[in-house]
N, C-alpha and C. Protein backbone atom coordinates (compact mmCIF):
# COMPACT_ATOMS: atom_id res chain seq x y z
N MET A 1 13.03 -4.29 -19.61
CA MET A 1 12.24 -3.21 -20.15
C MET A 1 12.53 -1.94 -19.37
N ASP A 2 12.65 -0.84 -20.04
CA ASP A 2 12.96 0.44 -19.41
C ASP A 2 11.69 1.28 -19.33
N TYR A 3 11.29 1.64 -18.12
CA TYR A 3 10.12 2.48 -17.92
C TYR A 3 10.50 3.93 -17.65
N GLY A 4 11.78 4.27 -17.90
CA GLY A 4 12.23 5.63 -17.69
C GLY A 4 12.46 6.00 -16.24
N ARG A 5 12.54 5.01 -15.38
CA ARG A 5 12.78 5.27 -13.96
C ARG A 5 14.13 4.69 -13.57
N PRO A 6 14.76 5.29 -12.58
CA PRO A 6 16.05 4.75 -12.14
C PRO A 6 15.85 3.40 -11.44
N ILE A 7 16.85 2.56 -11.53
CA ILE A 7 16.81 1.27 -10.82
C ILE A 7 17.18 1.53 -9.37
N LEU A 8 16.36 1.01 -8.48
CA LEU A 8 16.61 1.14 -7.04
C LEU A 8 16.95 -0.23 -6.47
N PHE A 9 17.82 -0.24 -5.51
CA PHE A 9 18.20 -1.49 -4.84
C PHE A 9 17.73 -1.45 -3.40
N GLY A 10 17.24 -2.57 -2.93
CA GLY A 10 16.71 -2.62 -1.58
C GLY A 10 17.24 -3.78 -0.77
N TYR A 11 16.99 -3.70 0.53
CA TYR A 11 17.41 -4.74 1.47
C TYR A 11 16.30 -4.93 2.49
N PHE A 12 15.87 -6.16 2.66
CA PHE A 12 14.89 -6.48 3.69
C PHE A 12 15.65 -6.85 4.96
N VAL A 13 15.44 -6.07 6.00
CA VAL A 13 16.07 -6.32 7.29
C VAL A 13 15.38 -7.52 7.94
N PRO A 14 16.13 -8.53 8.38
CA PRO A 14 15.48 -9.64 9.09
C PRO A 14 14.84 -9.11 10.38
N PRO A 15 13.54 -9.32 10.59
CA PRO A 15 12.87 -8.75 11.76
C PRO A 15 13.03 -9.58 13.04
N ASP A 16 14.06 -10.37 13.11
CA ASP A 16 14.28 -11.27 14.24
C ASP A 16 14.56 -10.49 15.53
N SER A 17 13.80 -10.76 16.56
CA SER A 17 13.95 -10.04 17.83
C SER A 17 14.88 -10.75 18.81
N MET A 18 15.46 -11.87 18.42
CA MET A 18 16.35 -12.60 19.32
C MET A 18 17.64 -11.81 19.58
N ARG A 19 18.03 -10.98 18.63
CA ARG A 19 19.18 -10.06 18.79
C ARG A 19 18.62 -8.66 18.60
N PRO A 20 18.13 -8.04 19.66
CA PRO A 20 17.32 -6.82 19.56
C PRO A 20 17.85 -5.68 18.70
N MET A 21 19.13 -5.39 18.75
CA MET A 21 19.66 -4.25 18.01
C MET A 21 20.11 -4.60 16.60
N ARG A 22 20.19 -5.88 16.29
CA ARG A 22 20.71 -6.31 14.99
C ARG A 22 19.94 -5.75 13.80
N PRO A 23 18.60 -5.77 13.78
CA PRO A 23 17.89 -5.20 12.63
C PRO A 23 18.22 -3.73 12.40
N LEU A 24 18.36 -2.97 13.48
CA LEU A 24 18.69 -1.55 13.33
C LEU A 24 20.11 -1.38 12.82
N GLU A 25 21.03 -2.18 13.33
CA GLU A 25 22.42 -2.11 12.86
C GLU A 25 22.50 -2.42 11.37
N LEU A 26 21.76 -3.43 10.94
CA LEU A 26 21.77 -3.81 9.53
C LEU A 26 21.16 -2.72 8.65
N ALA A 27 20.11 -2.08 9.13
CA ALA A 27 19.47 -1.00 8.37
C ALA A 27 20.42 0.19 8.21
N VAL A 28 21.09 0.55 9.29
CA VAL A 28 22.05 1.66 9.22
C VAL A 28 23.18 1.31 8.27
N ARG A 29 23.68 0.08 8.36
CA ARG A 29 24.78 -0.34 7.48
C ARG A 29 24.34 -0.34 6.01
N ALA A 30 23.12 -0.81 5.75
CA ALA A 30 22.60 -0.82 4.38
C ALA A 30 22.54 0.60 3.83
N GLU A 31 22.11 1.54 4.65
CA GLU A 31 22.06 2.93 4.20
C GLU A 31 23.47 3.46 3.94
N GLU A 32 24.41 3.14 4.80
CA GLU A 32 25.80 3.57 4.61
C GLU A 32 26.39 3.03 3.30
N LEU A 33 25.96 1.85 2.92
CA LEU A 33 26.44 1.22 1.68
C LEU A 33 25.74 1.75 0.44
N GLY A 34 24.74 2.61 0.63
CA GLY A 34 24.06 3.22 -0.51
C GLY A 34 22.82 2.49 -0.99
N ILE A 35 22.32 1.55 -0.20
CA ILE A 35 21.09 0.85 -0.57
C ILE A 35 19.94 1.87 -0.59
N ASP A 36 19.12 1.82 -1.62
CA ASP A 36 18.05 2.82 -1.81
C ASP A 36 16.83 2.58 -0.92
N LEU A 37 16.44 1.33 -0.78
CA LEU A 37 15.22 0.99 -0.05
C LEU A 37 15.56 0.06 1.12
N ILE A 38 14.96 0.30 2.25
CA ILE A 38 15.12 -0.58 3.40
C ILE A 38 13.73 -1.06 3.79
N GLY A 39 13.58 -2.36 3.90
CA GLY A 39 12.26 -2.91 4.19
C GLY A 39 12.28 -3.89 5.34
N ALA A 40 11.09 -4.25 5.76
CA ALA A 40 10.90 -5.26 6.81
C ALA A 40 9.67 -6.07 6.45
N GLN A 41 9.79 -7.36 6.55
CA GLN A 41 8.66 -8.23 6.25
C GLN A 41 7.76 -8.33 7.48
N ASP A 42 6.48 -8.43 7.22
CA ASP A 42 5.50 -8.53 8.30
C ASP A 42 5.05 -9.98 8.45
N HIS A 43 5.37 -10.56 9.57
CA HIS A 43 4.95 -11.92 9.89
C HIS A 43 4.23 -11.87 11.24
N PRO A 44 2.97 -11.47 11.25
CA PRO A 44 2.27 -11.21 12.51
C PRO A 44 2.09 -12.43 13.41
N TYR A 45 2.23 -13.62 12.87
CA TYR A 45 2.01 -14.81 13.69
C TYR A 45 3.31 -15.49 14.08
N GLN A 46 4.43 -14.84 13.80
CA GLN A 46 5.74 -15.37 14.17
C GLN A 46 6.19 -14.63 15.43
N ARG A 47 6.18 -15.29 16.55
CA ARG A 47 6.44 -14.65 17.84
C ARG A 47 7.81 -14.02 17.94
N ARG A 48 8.80 -14.60 17.31
CA ARG A 48 10.16 -14.09 17.50
C ARG A 48 10.50 -12.93 16.56
N PHE A 49 9.54 -12.48 15.75
CA PHE A 49 9.78 -11.37 14.83
C PHE A 49 9.12 -10.11 15.35
N TYR A 50 9.79 -8.98 15.10
CA TYR A 50 9.19 -7.68 15.42
C TYR A 50 8.01 -7.40 14.50
N ASP A 51 7.10 -6.59 14.99
CA ASP A 51 6.03 -6.07 14.15
C ASP A 51 6.68 -5.16 13.09
N ALA A 52 6.29 -5.33 11.84
CA ALA A 52 6.96 -4.61 10.75
C ALA A 52 6.86 -3.10 10.89
N TRP A 53 5.69 -2.58 11.22
CA TRP A 53 5.51 -1.13 11.30
C TRP A 53 6.30 -0.54 12.47
N THR A 54 6.38 -1.27 13.58
CA THR A 54 7.17 -0.81 14.72
C THR A 54 8.65 -0.80 14.36
N LEU A 55 9.09 -1.86 13.68
CA LEU A 55 10.49 -1.95 13.26
C LEU A 55 10.82 -0.84 12.26
N LEU A 56 9.93 -0.60 11.30
CA LEU A 56 10.17 0.46 10.32
C LEU A 56 10.23 1.84 10.98
N THR A 57 9.46 2.03 12.04
CA THR A 57 9.52 3.29 12.78
C THR A 57 10.87 3.45 13.44
N ALA A 58 11.36 2.37 14.07
CA ALA A 58 12.68 2.42 14.71
C ALA A 58 13.77 2.66 13.67
N ILE A 59 13.64 2.02 12.51
CA ILE A 59 14.61 2.22 11.44
C ILE A 59 14.58 3.67 10.96
N ALA A 60 13.39 4.23 10.83
CA ALA A 60 13.26 5.62 10.38
C ALA A 60 13.92 6.58 11.36
N MET A 61 13.92 6.24 12.63
CA MET A 61 14.56 7.09 13.63
C MET A 61 16.08 7.00 13.57
N ARG A 62 16.60 5.93 13.00
CA ARG A 62 18.05 5.72 12.94
C ARG A 62 18.69 6.07 11.60
N THR A 63 17.89 6.18 10.56
CA THR A 63 18.42 6.43 9.22
C THR A 63 17.99 7.81 8.73
N LYS A 64 18.62 8.25 7.65
CA LYS A 64 18.35 9.59 7.12
C LYS A 64 17.43 9.60 5.91
N ARG A 65 17.47 8.54 5.13
CA ARG A 65 16.64 8.49 3.91
C ARG A 65 15.20 8.18 4.26
N ARG A 66 14.33 8.44 3.30
CA ARG A 66 12.90 8.24 3.54
C ARG A 66 12.32 7.01 2.86
N ASN A 67 13.13 6.28 2.13
CA ASN A 67 12.61 5.14 1.37
C ASN A 67 12.59 3.87 2.21
N ARG A 68 11.41 3.54 2.71
CA ARG A 68 11.24 2.31 3.46
C ARG A 68 10.03 1.57 2.89
N VAL A 69 10.10 0.26 2.90
CA VAL A 69 9.02 -0.55 2.35
C VAL A 69 8.67 -1.67 3.31
N GLU A 70 7.46 -2.18 3.15
CA GLU A 70 7.02 -3.31 3.94
C GLU A 70 6.66 -4.44 2.98
N GLY A 71 6.94 -5.65 3.37
CA GLY A 71 6.60 -6.80 2.55
C GLY A 71 5.70 -7.76 3.32
N ILE A 72 4.91 -8.51 2.59
CA ILE A 72 3.99 -9.50 3.16
C ILE A 72 3.04 -8.85 4.16
N SER A 73 2.11 -8.12 3.65
CA SER A 73 1.14 -7.45 4.51
C SER A 73 -0.22 -8.14 4.37
N PRO A 74 -0.54 -9.03 5.29
CA PRO A 74 -1.83 -9.71 5.21
C PRO A 74 -2.96 -8.75 5.58
N LYS A 75 -4.18 -9.22 5.45
CA LYS A 75 -5.32 -8.41 5.85
C LYS A 75 -5.08 -7.92 7.28
N ARG A 76 -5.43 -6.70 7.54
CA ARG A 76 -5.17 -6.12 8.86
C ARG A 76 -5.65 -7.04 9.96
N ARG A 77 -4.81 -7.19 10.97
CA ARG A 77 -5.16 -8.08 12.09
C ARG A 77 -6.40 -7.62 12.82
N SER A 78 -6.64 -6.32 12.85
CA SER A 78 -7.81 -5.80 13.55
C SER A 78 -9.10 -6.14 12.82
N GLU A 79 -9.01 -6.58 11.58
CA GLU A 79 -10.21 -6.94 10.83
C GLU A 79 -10.52 -8.42 10.90
N GLY A 80 -9.83 -9.14 11.78
CA GLY A 80 -10.01 -10.59 11.86
C GLY A 80 -11.44 -11.02 12.11
N ALA A 81 -12.12 -10.37 13.03
CA ALA A 81 -13.50 -10.74 13.35
C ALA A 81 -14.41 -10.48 12.16
N ARG A 82 -14.19 -9.37 11.50
CA ARG A 82 -15.03 -9.02 10.37
C ARG A 82 -14.78 -9.96 9.19
N ALA A 83 -13.54 -10.42 9.03
CA ALA A 83 -13.20 -11.27 7.91
C ALA A 83 -13.95 -12.60 7.97
N GLY A 84 -14.34 -13.02 9.16
CA GLY A 84 -15.03 -14.30 9.31
C GLY A 84 -16.52 -14.23 9.09
N ARG A 85 -17.08 -13.03 8.97
CA ARG A 85 -18.52 -12.89 8.77
C ARG A 85 -18.90 -12.99 7.31
N PRO A 86 -20.04 -13.59 7.01
CA PRO A 86 -20.50 -13.66 5.63
C PRO A 86 -20.68 -12.25 5.04
N GLY A 87 -20.27 -12.09 3.82
CA GLY A 87 -20.46 -10.81 3.14
C GLY A 87 -19.41 -9.77 3.47
N SER A 88 -18.37 -10.17 4.21
CA SER A 88 -17.35 -9.16 4.56
C SER A 88 -16.31 -9.05 3.47
């Protein structure tokens, strides 16, 4: 179905912190190849993954385009205590 918008292509950078510079290298390469959107998945309970918002900030500092996305955004971690209360 055509909604009158251009088709955009994206790439989710693996947020793996075991190779610290690799996510940034992949994001820069994706931009060089003409990928429209660069994203990072948020897995707050996976110790070996970067925090998505921190990673997206680092990616924004290394790339020129403004199209970045985040995937898998659970309820904010800071709301954990409130989420357990009745009526929240």
